[in-house]
Structure formats: structure tokens, C-alpha cells
Amino acid sequence: MEAMTIQEKCRALHDLHANGCFVIPNPWDLGSAVVLEQLGFRALATTSAGFAWSLGHADNHVTLDEALAHYRAVSAAVRVPVSADFEGGFAVEPSEVAANVAAAAATGLAGLSIEDSSKNTVEPLFDFDLAVERVRAAREAIDRSGVPLVLTGRSEGFIVGRPDLDETIKRLTAYAKAGADCVFAPGIREKAHIQAVVSAVAPTPVNVVVSGDFTTVEDLAALGVRRISVGGALARTAWAGFLRAATEIAQKGTFTELARGVPGSDLNGRFDR
């Protein structure tokens, strides 16, 4: 595959959303990004959680500068389009979200998402009007940047203790009208809920995150889902193997779990480019 320009990467990502259904898996570092590209995935998306854990932080405790450096590095490491989990835009006010989106647009990304989680336990979602203005500000910043990133609007109700389907649909519909190219409600798992979202926001593409064994690509495609991500699930899977092996050594003084490891020669072969 020849290297694409950023304009070509953005167009390729837009085209993937135009019809059918595709999986956009979530690497947490450069090595995992390179391997996912080798496996044939046509686009990748960062994971805020996976990246934070790689730095020894909890999710949502990465700085804007750390995130921007990560986006630059991952985008440069692969030839396929990369979309960023841009959390809440690393700001509250729409004007500040816009400034941060403009900075992200200069990193080589082909897309990014803006979520409406406030990180406030009492009011875990931003006020509706503010949430919509934040998405609109992101859209305007992208348009001014000259880099046609795919903008995803995320409503977090189902993962922050506000699992209200009607409110979620209201928000996602408004985000689409405010300029989101794709919408996303992490935590929605029931087929009826997914179908309701897909129908309500059509023709705007819908992303579903799959963090466990509750569905298949075929089933989600049949519901009209256009994009499937896995969030931090691949990173959690990798950490599970590490913790099993390290815990065995620490608690038992044995090393049987190490036999499950991938041979170093196989990994060297993947990264010897």
C-alpha cells in the first residue's frame, strides 16, 4: 500500500462510512497499531483508556499534549486512516473545544470524536444545549482547518449511569444536525436499542462499541450499523495475559503462563520493516 496524504486518508475514512459495515479496532500504542494494520483493518481508532494505561494513568487522566503526541505517533506509524478518541475535547467551553480540535487536526488524524460526559458524578452529562454547541464548535474548527476529519458525536449516558434511550437519541440526533458525520452511544448492547438509534439518526452512520462477546459483525451489519469499534477491550485483553503471568510469578513462584507468550521471533518479524 502506498502512503496516502492526509486528505486521502480523510476521504478514505469518509468512504468507509458511506455504505456497508466496517470494524475500526483500537490500538493503544505503536506496536498494536502496526499489527492491526498488518491484519488488514482499513482504519484504526485510538483508545483513551488503553493509551492512559500504557502511561500508568487511569482513563481520562492524560493531558492534551500527551494525547496530541500520541496521535502524531500513531498516525505516522501506519498508512491507514486513524481516528482519535478525543474524549471531551480536553475542555468544557465550545471555544476551547474548537481550539483543541484545531490542534488535533494538525497531527495527521483522519477523524476524532467528542463526547458529552462531564466527569461530574452529580450531573454526568453536559447540559443538552452546551453539549450540542460543543459538537458544533468542533465541526466549525474542522471546517476551518482545511483537513476534512470525520467527526463523531458521542453520548455517554449508558456508561455514566443515565441509560435513557430517548435522551440518548435526542442527543445523537442533535449532534448529527450540528455537524457530526457519525454518532455513537457507548454502552448500548440490546438489539432493540441499537436498531432504534440507527433508525432515528438515519442516514447518519452509527458506531457501536463491542467490549465483550454479545454480538457479531454480521448481526450488527444486519441492524444497519456502519462502524464497529472495541474501545479499550484489546488493551484489556493484553493486560489480562500480563497480569495472569506476573501474578503467577509473584504468588506462586512458577512460570507456566509464560508459555502462552508469542515467540519473540514472530514479533520481530512483524516489526522488522
C-alpha atoms as a PDB file:
ATOM      1  CA  MET A   1       0.000   0.000   0.000  1.00  0.00           C
ATOM      2  CA  GLU A   2       1.355   3.392  -0.965  1.00  0.00           C
ATOM      3  CA  ALA A   3       1.356   6.158   1.614  1.00  0.00           C
ATOM      4  CA  MET A   4      -1.704   8.396   1.464  1.00  0.00           C
ATOM      5  CA  THR A   5      -1.830  12.121   2.024  1.00  0.00           C
ATOM      6  CA  ILE A   6      -3.901  13.348   4.954  1.00  0.00           C
ATOM      7  CA  GLN A   7      -6.592  14.480   2.515  1.00  0.00           C
ATOM      8  CA  GLU A   8      -6.667  10.989   1.016  1.00  0.00           C
ATOM      9  CA  LYS A   9      -6.833   9.399   4.466  1.00  0.00           C
ATOM     10  CA  CYS A  10      -9.783  11.583   5.419  1.00  0.00           C
ATOM     11  CA  ARG A  11     -11.561  10.737   2.171  1.00  0.00           C
ATOM     12  CA  ALA A  12     -10.891   7.030   2.688  1.00  0.00           C
ATOM     13  CA  LEU A  13     -12.391   7.215   6.193  1.00  0.00           C
ATOM     14  CA  HIS A  14     -15.448   9.093   4.916  1.00  0.00           C
ATOM     15  CA  ASP A  15     -15.860   6.466   2.187  1.00  0.00           C
ATOM     16  CA  LEU A  16     -15.803   3.632   4.715  1.00  0.00           C
ATOM     17  CA  HIS A  17     -18.830   5.220   6.415  1.00  0.00           C
ATOM     18  CA  ALA A  18     -20.774   5.584   3.167  1.00  0.00           C
ATOM     19  CA  ASN A  19     -22.149   2.056   2.985  1.00  0.00           C
ATOM     20  CA  GLY A  20     -21.757  -1.395   4.472  1.00  0.00           C
ATOM     21  CA  CYS A  21     -20.193  -2.053   7.874  1.00  0.00           C
ATOM     22  CA  PHE A  22     -16.534  -1.995   8.911  1.00  0.00           C
ATOM     23  CA  VAL A  23     -14.530  -2.667  12.073  1.00  0.00           C
ATOM     24  CA  ILE A  24     -12.251   0.112  13.318  1.00  0.00           C
ATOM     25  CA  PRO A  25     -10.206  -1.545  16.105  1.00  0.00           C
ATOM     26  CA  ASN A  26      -8.455   0.411  18.830  1.00  0.00           C
ATOM     27  CA  PRO A  27      -4.671   0.108  19.266  1.00  0.00           C
ATOM     28  CA  TRP A  28      -3.162   1.525  22.433  1.00  0.00           C
ATOM     29  CA  ASP A  29       0.424   2.052  21.217  1.00  0.00           C
ATOM     30  CA  LEU A  30       2.515   2.000  18.047  1.00  0.00           C
ATOM     31  CA  GLY A  31       3.151  -1.740  18.053  1.00  0.00           C
ATOM     32  CA  SER A  32      -0.504  -2.653  18.360  1.00  0.00           C
ATOM     33  CA  ALA A  33      -1.355  -0.124  15.627  1.00  0.00           C
ATOM     34  CA  VAL A  34       1.186  -1.637  13.241  1.00  0.00           C
ATOM     35  CA  VAL A  35      -0.073  -5.172  13.848  1.00  0.00           C
ATOM     36  CA  LEU A  36      -3.712  -4.200  13.354  1.00  0.00           C
ATOM     37  CA  GLU A  37      -2.801  -2.636  10.036  1.00  0.00           C
ATOM     38  CA  GLN A  38      -0.958  -5.835   9.084  1.00  0.00           C
ATOM     39  CA  LEU A  39      -4.100  -7.837   9.868  1.00  0.00           C
ATOM     40  CA  GLY A  40      -5.916  -5.932   7.146  1.00  0.00           C
ATOM     41  CA  PHE A  41      -8.059  -3.441   9.034  1.00  0.00           C
ATOM     42  CA  ARG A  42      -8.754  -0.451   6.808  1.00  0.00           C
ATOM     43  CA  ALA A  43      -8.851   2.159   9.587  1.00  0.00           C
ATOM     44  CA  LEU A  44      -7.866   2.416  13.247  1.00  0.00           C
ATOM     45  CA  ALA A  45      -9.079   4.421  16.222  1.00  0.00           C
ATOM     46  CA  THR A  46      -7.174   5.307  19.366  1.00  0.00           C
ATOM     47  CA  THR A  47      -8.448   4.376  22.819  1.00  0.00           C
ATOM     48  CA  SER A  48      -8.181   6.932  25.592  1.00  0.00           C
ATOM     49  CA  ALA A  49      -8.255   4.179  28.211  1.00  0.00           C
ATOM     50  CA  GLY A  50      -5.684   1.929  26.559  1.00  0.00           C
ATOM     51  CA  PHE A  51      -3.307   4.800  25.964  1.00  0.00           C
ATOM     52  CA  ALA A  52      -3.724   6.110  29.513  1.00  0.00           C
ATOM     53  CA  TRP A  53      -2.925   2.682  30.982  1.00  0.00           C
ATOM     54  CA  SER A  54       0.210   2.475  28.831  1.00  0.00           C
ATOM     55  CA  LEU A  55       1.397   5.659  30.578  1.00  0.00           C
ATOM     56  CA  GLY A  56       0.460   4.418  34.041  1.00  0.00           C
ATOM     57  CA  HIS A  57      -2.620   6.671  34.257  1.00  0.00           C
ATOM     58  CA  ALA A  58      -6.307   5.999  34.739  1.00  0.00           C
ATOM     59  CA  ASP A  59      -8.585   6.758  31.808  1.00  0.00           C
ATOM     60  CA  ASN A  60      -9.280  10.479  31.315  1.00  0.00           C
ATOM     61  CA  HIS A  61      -6.067  11.443  33.127  1.00  0.00           C
ATOM     62  CA  VAL A  62      -3.933  12.073  30.056  1.00  0.00           C
ATOM     63  CA  THR A  63      -3.028  15.647  29.171  1.00  0.00           C
ATOM     64  CA  LEU A  64      -3.858  17.286  25.860  1.00  0.00           C
ATOM     65  CA  ASP A  65      -0.172  17.466  24.945  1.00  0.00           C
ATOM     66  CA  GLU A  66       0.294  13.759  25.695  1.00  0.00           C
ATOM     67  CA  ALA A  67      -2.727  12.914  23.578  1.00  0.00           C
ATOM     68  CA  LEU A  68      -1.618  15.063  20.635  1.00  0.00           C
ATOM     69  CA  ALA A  69       1.838  13.469  20.678  1.00  0.00           C
ATOM     70  CA  HIS A  70       0.190  10.033  20.681  1.00  0.00           C
ATOM     71  CA  TYR A  71      -1.990  10.921  17.695  1.00  0.00           C
ATOM     72  CA  ARG A  72       1.038  12.145  15.743  1.00  0.00           C
ATOM     73  CA  ALA A  73       2.992   8.992  16.503  1.00  0.00           C
ATOM     74  CA  VAL A  74       0.202   6.522  15.674  1.00  0.00           C
ATOM     75  CA  SER A  75      -0.835   8.382  12.510  1.00  0.00           C
ATOM     76  CA  ALA A  76       2.767   8.368  11.298  1.00  0.00           C
ATOM     77  CA  ALA A  77       3.274   4.679  12.126  1.00  0.00           C
ATOM     78  CA  VAL A  78       0.537   3.340   9.838  1.00  0.00           C
ATOM     79  CA  ARG A  79      -0.704   4.042   6.339  1.00  0.00           C
ATOM     80  CA  VAL A  80      -4.415   3.642   7.068  1.00  0.00           C
ATOM     81  CA  PRO A  81      -6.639   6.426   8.436  1.00  0.00           C
ATOM     82  CA  VAL A  82      -6.624   6.959  12.198  1.00  0.00           C
ATOM     83  CA  SER A  83      -9.474   8.439  14.216  1.00  0.00           C
ATOM     84  CA  ALA A  84      -8.878   9.745  17.736  1.00  0.00           C
ATOM     85  CA  ASP A  85     -10.804   9.144  20.919  1.00  0.00           C
ATOM     86  CA  PHE A  86     -10.613  12.846  21.729  1.00  0.00           C
ATOM     87  CA  GLU A  87     -12.566  12.393  24.971  1.00  0.00           C
ATOM     88  CA  GLY A  88     -14.496  15.593  25.740  1.00  0.00           C
ATOM     89  CA  GLY A  89     -12.196  17.766  23.650  1.00  0.00           C
ATOM     90  CA  PHE A  90      -9.998  18.365  26.734  1.00  0.00           C
ATOM     91  CA  ALA A  91     -12.151  21.394  27.545  1.00  0.00           C
ATOM     92  CA  VAL A  92     -15.653  22.421  28.565  1.00  0.00           C
ATOM     93  CA  GLU A  93     -16.373  25.659  26.718  1.00  0.00           C
ATOM     94  CA  PRO A  94     -17.093  25.349  22.980  1.00  0.00           C
ATOM     95  CA  SER A  95     -14.431  27.898  22.031  1.00  0.00           C
ATOM     96  CA  GLU A  96     -11.783  25.893  23.888  1.00  0.00           C
ATOM     97  CA  VAL A  97     -13.007  22.640  22.355  1.00  0.00           C
ATOM     98  CA  ALA A  98     -12.645  24.295  18.945  1.00  0.00           C
ATOM     99  CA  ALA A  99      -9.065  25.347  19.670  1.00  0.00           C
ATOM    100  CA  ASN A 100      -8.120  21.857  20.783  1.00  0.00           C
ATOM    101  CA  VAL A 101      -9.792  20.252  17.769  1.00  0.00           C
ATOM    102  CA  ALA A 102      -7.791  22.577  15.521  1.00  0.00           C
ATOM    103  CA  ALA A 103      -4.617  21.335  17.216  1.00  0.00           C
ATOM    104  CA  ALA A 104      -5.687  17.723  16.729  1.00  0.00           C
ATOM    105  CA  ALA A 105      -6.378  18.370  13.046  1.00  0.00           C
ATOM    106  CA  ALA A 106      -2.688  19.138  12.594  1.00  0.00           C
ATOM    107  CA  THR A 107      -1.462  15.756  13.904  1.00  0.00           C
ATOM    108  CA  GLY A 108      -2.203  13.564  10.885  1.00  0.00           C
ATOM    109  CA  LEU A 109      -5.544  12.253  12.122  1.00  0.00           C
ATOM    110  CA  ALA A 110      -8.403  11.481   9.750  1.00  0.00           C
ATOM    111  CA  GLY A 111     -11.136  11.689  12.388  1.00  0.00           C
ATOM    112  CA  LEU A 112     -11.947  12.353  16.029  1.00  0.00           C
ATOM    113  CA  SER A 113     -14.803  12.072  18.491  1.00  0.00           C
ATOM    114  CA  ILE A 114     -16.300  14.476  21.003  1.00  0.00           C
ATOM    115  CA  GLU A 115     -18.234  13.098  23.965  1.00  0.00           C
ATOM    116  CA  ASP A 116     -20.753  14.701  26.314  1.00  0.00           C
ATOM    117  CA  SER A 117     -19.582  13.205  29.606  1.00  0.00           C
ATOM    118  CA  SER A 118     -18.937  15.977  32.147  1.00  0.00           C
ATOM    119  CA  LYS A 119     -16.961  13.772  34.613  1.00  0.00           C
ATOM    120  CA  ASN A 120     -19.272  15.216  37.287  1.00  0.00           C
ATOM    121  CA  THR A 121     -20.839  12.474  39.403  1.00  0.00           C
ATOM    122  CA  VAL A 122     -23.913  14.583  40.188  1.00  0.00           C
ATOM    123  CA  GLU A 123     -24.560  15.722  36.602  1.00  0.00           C
ATOM    124  CA  PRO A 124     -22.577  13.237  34.497  1.00  0.00           C
ATOM    125  CA  LEU A 125     -23.672  14.675  31.136  1.00  0.00           C
ATOM    126  CA  PHE A 126     -23.195  18.215  29.905  1.00  0.00           C
ATOM    127  CA  ASP A 127     -26.361  20.254  29.624  1.00  0.00           C
ATOM    128  CA  PHE A 128     -28.046  19.459  26.311  1.00  0.00           C
ATOM    129  CA  ASP A 129     -27.560  22.880  24.720  1.00  0.00           C
ATOM    130  CA  LEU A 130     -23.920  23.068  25.795  1.00  0.00           C
ATOM    131  CA  ALA A 131     -23.291  19.553  24.510  1.00  0.00           C
ATOM    132  CA  VAL A 132     -24.697  20.443  21.099  1.00  0.00           C
ATOM    133  CA  GLU A 133     -22.667  23.658  20.935  1.00  0.00           C
ATOM    134  CA  ARG A 134     -19.515  21.713  21.711  1.00  0.00           C
ATOM    135  CA  VAL A 135     -20.110  19.431  18.726  1.00  0.00           C
ATOM    136  CA  ARG A 136     -20.936  22.424  16.527  1.00  0.00           C
ATOM    137  CA  ALA A 137     -17.722  24.140  17.620  1.00  0.00           C
ATOM    138  CA  ALA A 138     -15.738  21.017  16.739  1.00  0.00           C
ATOM    139  CA  ARG A 139     -17.378  20.912  13.306  1.00  0.00           C
ATOM    140  CA  GLU A 140     -16.555  24.543  12.622  1.00  0.00           C
ATOM    141  CA  ALA A 141     -12.951  24.060  13.750  1.00  0.00           C
ATOM    142  CA  ILE A 142     -12.562  21.096  11.396  1.00  0.00           C
ATOM    143  CA  ASP A 143     -14.016  23.050   8.503  1.00  0.00           C
ATOM    144  CA  ARG A 144     -11.669  25.964   9.169  1.00  0.00           C
ATOM    145  CA  SER A 145      -8.653  23.650   9.402  1.00  0.00           C
ATOM    146  CA  GLY A 146      -8.886  22.506   5.797  1.00  0.00           C
ATOM    147  CA  VAL A 147      -8.471  18.892   6.962  1.00  0.00           C
ATOM    148  CA  PRO A 148     -11.833  17.130   6.426  1.00  0.00           C
ATOM    149  CA  LEU A 149     -11.765  14.909   9.500  1.00  0.00           C
ATOM    150  CA  VAL A 150     -14.661  12.562  10.211  1.00  0.00           C
ATOM    151  CA  LEU A 151     -16.363  13.997  13.301  1.00  0.00           C
ATOM    152  CA  THR A 152     -18.083  11.553  15.655  1.00  0.00           C
ATOM    153  CA  GLY A 153     -20.543  12.801  18.258  1.00  0.00           C
ATOM    154  CA  ARG A 154     -20.754  10.596  21.355  1.00  0.00           C
ATOM    155  CA  SER A 155     -23.429  10.499  24.044  1.00  0.00           C
ATOM    156  CA  GLU A 156     -22.253   8.737  27.182  1.00  0.00           C
ATOM    157  CA  GLY A 157     -25.495   8.259  29.107  1.00  0.00           C
ATOM    158  CA  PHE A 158     -25.415   4.467  29.071  1.00  0.00           C
ATOM    159  CA  ILE A 159     -21.950   4.325  30.660  1.00  0.00           C
ATOM    160  CA  VAL A 160     -22.314   7.144  33.216  1.00  0.00           C
ATOM    161  CA  GLY A 161     -25.480   5.996  34.953  1.00  0.00           C
ATOM    162  CA  ARG A 162     -28.045   7.733  32.729  1.00  0.00           C
ATOM    163  CA  PRO A 163     -29.282   4.893  30.459  1.00  0.00           C
ATOM    164  CA  ASP A 164     -32.169   6.834  28.931  1.00  0.00           C
ATOM    165  CA  LEU A 165     -32.713   5.733  25.320  1.00  0.00           C
ATOM    166  CA  ASP A 166     -34.968   8.663  24.418  1.00  0.00           C
ATOM    167  CA  GLU A 167     -32.472  11.200  25.761  1.00  0.00           C
ATOM    168  CA  THR A 168     -29.638   9.416  24.006  1.00  0.00           C
ATOM    169  CA  ILE A 169     -31.479   9.515  20.683  1.00  0.00           C
ATOM    170  CA  LYS A 170     -32.348  13.181  21.222  1.00  0.00           C
ATOM    171  CA  ARG A 171     -28.690  13.995  21.783  1.00  0.00           C
ATOM    172  CA  LEU A 172     -27.328  11.912  18.916  1.00  0.00           C
ATOM    173  CA  THR A 173     -29.864  13.395  16.515  1.00  0.00           C
ATOM    174  CA  ALA A 174     -28.871  16.895  17.600  1.00  0.00           C
ATOM    175  CA  TYR A 175     -25.175  16.091  17.242  1.00  0.00           C
ATOM    176  CA  ALA A 176     -25.771  14.915  13.682  1.00  0.00           C
ATOM    177  CA  LYS A 177     -27.604  18.144  12.887  1.00  0.00           C
ATOM    178  CA  ALA A 178     -24.739  20.106  14.461  1.00  0.00           C
ATOM    179  CA  GLY A 179     -22.272  18.517  12.039  1.00  0.00           C
ATOM    180  CA  ALA A 180     -21.275  15.085  13.329  1.00  0.00           C
ATOM    181  CA  ASP A 181     -20.527  12.694  10.467  1.00  0.00           C
ATOM    182  CA  CYS A 182     -21.088   9.655  12.696  1.00  0.00           C
ATOM    183  CA  VAL A 183     -22.770   9.161  16.077  1.00  0.00           C
ATOM    184  CA  PHE A 184     -22.031   6.802  18.907  1.00  0.00           C
ATOM    185  CA  ALA A 185     -23.608   5.799  22.229  1.00  0.00           C
ATOM    186  CA  PRO A 186     -21.147   3.555  24.090  1.00  0.00           C
ATOM    187  CA  GLY A 187     -22.815   1.040  26.367  1.00  0.00           C
ATOM    188  CA  ILE A 188     -25.791   0.264  24.152  1.00  0.00           C
ATOM    189  CA  ARG A 189     -25.924  -3.513  23.715  1.00  0.00           C
ATOM    190  CA  GLU A 190     -29.560  -4.556  23.198  1.00  0.00           C
ATOM    191  CA  LYS A 191     -30.586  -5.131  19.598  1.00  0.00           C
ATOM    192  CA  ALA A 192     -33.777  -3.110  20.039  1.00  0.00           C
ATOM    193  CA  HIS A 193     -31.812  -0.130  21.364  1.00  0.00           C
ATOM    194  CA  ILE A 194     -29.254  -0.315  18.573  1.00  0.00           C
ATOM    195  CA  GLN A 195     -31.983  -0.562  15.953  1.00  0.00           C
ATOM    196  CA  ALA A 196     -33.828   2.396  17.480  1.00  0.00           C
ATOM    197  CA  VAL A 197     -30.712   4.564  17.332  1.00  0.00           C
ATOM    198  CA  VAL A 198     -29.893   3.539  13.756  1.00  0.00           C
ATOM    199  CA  SER A 199     -33.434   4.315  12.621  1.00  0.00           C
ATOM    200  CA  ALA A 200     -33.691   7.611  14.497  1.00  0.00           C
ATOM    201  CA  VAL A 201     -30.481   9.174  13.188  1.00  0.00           C
ATOM    202  CA  ALA A 202     -30.569   7.794   9.630  1.00  0.00           C
ATOM    203  CA  PRO A 203     -28.863   8.438   7.273  1.00  0.00           C
ATOM    204  CA  THR A 204     -26.079   9.415   9.714  1.00  0.00           C
ATOM    205  CA  PRO A 205     -23.783   6.391  10.290  1.00  0.00           C
ATOM    206  CA  VAL A 206     -23.826   4.786  13.733  1.00  0.00           C
ATOM    207  CA  ASN A 207     -20.851   3.294  15.590  1.00  0.00           C
ATOM    208  CA  VAL A 208     -21.322   0.516  18.145  1.00  0.00           C
ATOM    209  CA  VAL A 209     -18.569  -0.395  20.575  1.00  0.00           C
ATOM    210  CA  VAL A 210     -18.176  -4.104  21.283  1.00  0.00           C
ATOM    211  CA  SER A 211     -16.341  -4.728  24.541  1.00  0.00           C
ATOM    212  CA  GLY A 212     -17.426  -8.331  25.066  1.00  0.00           C
ATOM    213  CA  ASP A 213     -18.976 -11.355  23.399  1.00  0.00           C
ATOM    214  CA  PHE A 214     -22.530 -10.088  22.952  1.00  0.00           C
ATOM    215  CA  THR A 215     -22.811  -9.759  19.179  1.00  0.00           C
ATOM    216  CA  THR A 216     -21.066 -10.309  15.840  1.00  0.00           C
ATOM    217  CA  VAL A 217     -20.112  -8.151  12.888  1.00  0.00           C
ATOM    218  CA  GLU A 218     -22.781  -9.906  10.846  1.00  0.00           C
ATOM    219  CA  ASP A 219     -25.511  -9.193  13.409  1.00  0.00           C
ATOM    220  CA  LEU A 220     -24.607  -5.518  13.755  1.00  0.00           C
ATOM    221  CA  ALA A 221     -24.402  -5.078   9.997  1.00  0.00           C
ATOM    222  CA  ALA A 222     -27.903  -6.534   9.713  1.00  0.00           C
ATOM    223  CA  LEU A 223     -29.125  -3.865  12.144  1.00  0.00           C
ATOM    224  CA  GLY A 224     -27.714  -1.134   9.902  1.00  0.00           C
ATOM    225  CA  VAL A 225     -24.639  -0.333  11.994  1.00  0.00           C
ATOM    226  CA  ARG A 226     -21.913   1.167   9.806  1.00  0.00           C
ATOM    227  CA  ARG A 227     -18.915   1.130  12.148  1.00  0.00           C
ATOM    228  CA  ILE A 228     -17.779  -1.165  14.975  1.00  0.00           C
ATOM    229  CA  SER A 229     -15.056  -0.275  17.484  1.00  0.00           C
ATOM    230  CA  VAL A 230     -13.769  -2.145  20.529  1.00  0.00           C
ATOM    231  CA  GLY A 231     -12.611   0.702  22.780  1.00  0.00           C
ATOM    232  CA  GLY A 232     -10.128  -0.429  25.398  1.00  0.00           C
ATOM    233  CA  ALA A 233     -11.038  -4.118  25.027  1.00  0.00           C
ATOM    234  CA  LEU A 234      -7.909  -5.134  23.088  1.00  0.00           C
ATOM    235  CA  ALA A 235      -5.732  -3.351  25.641  1.00  0.00           C
ATOM    236  CA  ARG A 236      -7.620  -5.065  28.481  1.00  0.00           C
ATOM    237  CA  THR A 237      -7.108  -8.419  26.778  1.00  0.00           C
ATOM    238  CA  ALA A 238      -3.373  -7.792  26.565  1.00  0.00           C
ATOM    239  CA  TRP A 239      -3.263  -6.672  30.203  1.00  0.00           C
ATOM    240  CA  ALA A 240      -5.146  -9.836  31.203  1.00  0.00           C
ATOM    241  CA  GLY A 241      -2.318 -12.017  29.871  1.00  0.00           C
ATOM    242  CA  PHE A 242       0.312  -9.851  31.539  1.00  0.00           C
ATOM    243  CA  LEU A 243      -1.493  -9.916  34.900  1.00  0.00           C
ATOM    244  CA  ARG A 244      -2.004 -13.682  34.808  1.00  0.00           C
ATOM    245  CA  ALA A 245       1.684 -14.310  34.179  1.00  0.00           C
ATOM    246  CA  ALA A 246       3.007 -11.680  36.584  1.00  0.00           C
ATOM    247  CA  THR A 247       0.606 -12.711  39.351  1.00  0.00           C
ATOM    248  CA  GLU A 248       1.612 -16.363  38.995  1.00  0.00           C
ATOM    249  CA  ILE A 249       5.278 -15.443  39.371  1.00  0.00           C
ATOM    250  CA  ALA A 250       4.606 -13.153  42.342  1.00  0.00           C
ATOM    251  CA  GLN A 251       2.284 -15.504  44.222  1.00  0.00           C
ATOM    252  CA  LYS A 252       3.457 -19.000  43.249  1.00  0.00           C
ATOM    253  CA  GLY A 253       6.997 -18.611  42.048  1.00  0.00           C
ATOM    254  CA  THR A 254       6.104 -20.567  38.902  1.00  0.00           C
ATOM    255  CA  PHE A 255       6.236 -19.552  35.246  1.00  0.00           C
ATOM    256  CA  THR A 256       3.709 -21.667  33.375  1.00  0.00           C
ATOM    257  CA  GLU A 257       1.783 -18.682  31.952  1.00  0.00           C
ATOM    258  CA  LEU A 258       4.892 -17.519  30.098  1.00  0.00           C
ATOM    259  CA  ALA A 259       4.456 -20.479  27.735  1.00  0.00           C
ATOM    260  CA  ARG A 260       1.403 -18.681  26.313  1.00  0.00           C
ATOM    261  CA  GLY A 261       3.562 -15.823  25.034  1.00  0.00           C
ATOM    262  CA  VAL A 262       4.079 -15.114  21.358  1.00  0.00           C
ATOM    263  CA  PRO A 263       7.607 -16.100  20.256  1.00  0.00           C
ATOM    264  CA  GLY A 264       9.971 -13.160  20.066  1.00  0.00           C
ATOM    265  CA  SER A 265      10.943 -14.153  16.521  1.00  0.00           C
ATOM    266  CA  ASP A 266       7.311 -13.759  15.423  1.00  0.00           C
ATOM    267  CA  LEU A 267       7.101 -10.278  16.906  1.00  0.00           C
ATOM    268  CA  ASN A 268      10.460  -9.278  15.458  1.00  0.00           C
ATOM    269  CA  GLY A 269       9.208 -10.378  12.077  1.00  0.00           C
ATOM    270  CA  ARG A 270       6.179  -8.142  12.357  1.00  0.00           C
ATOM    271  CA  PHE A 271       8.211  -5.090  13.318  1.00  0.00           C
ATOM    272  CA  ASP A 272      11.255  -5.580  11.081  1.00  0.00           C
ATOM    273  CA  ARG A 273      10.138  -3.141   8.395  1.00  0.00           C
END
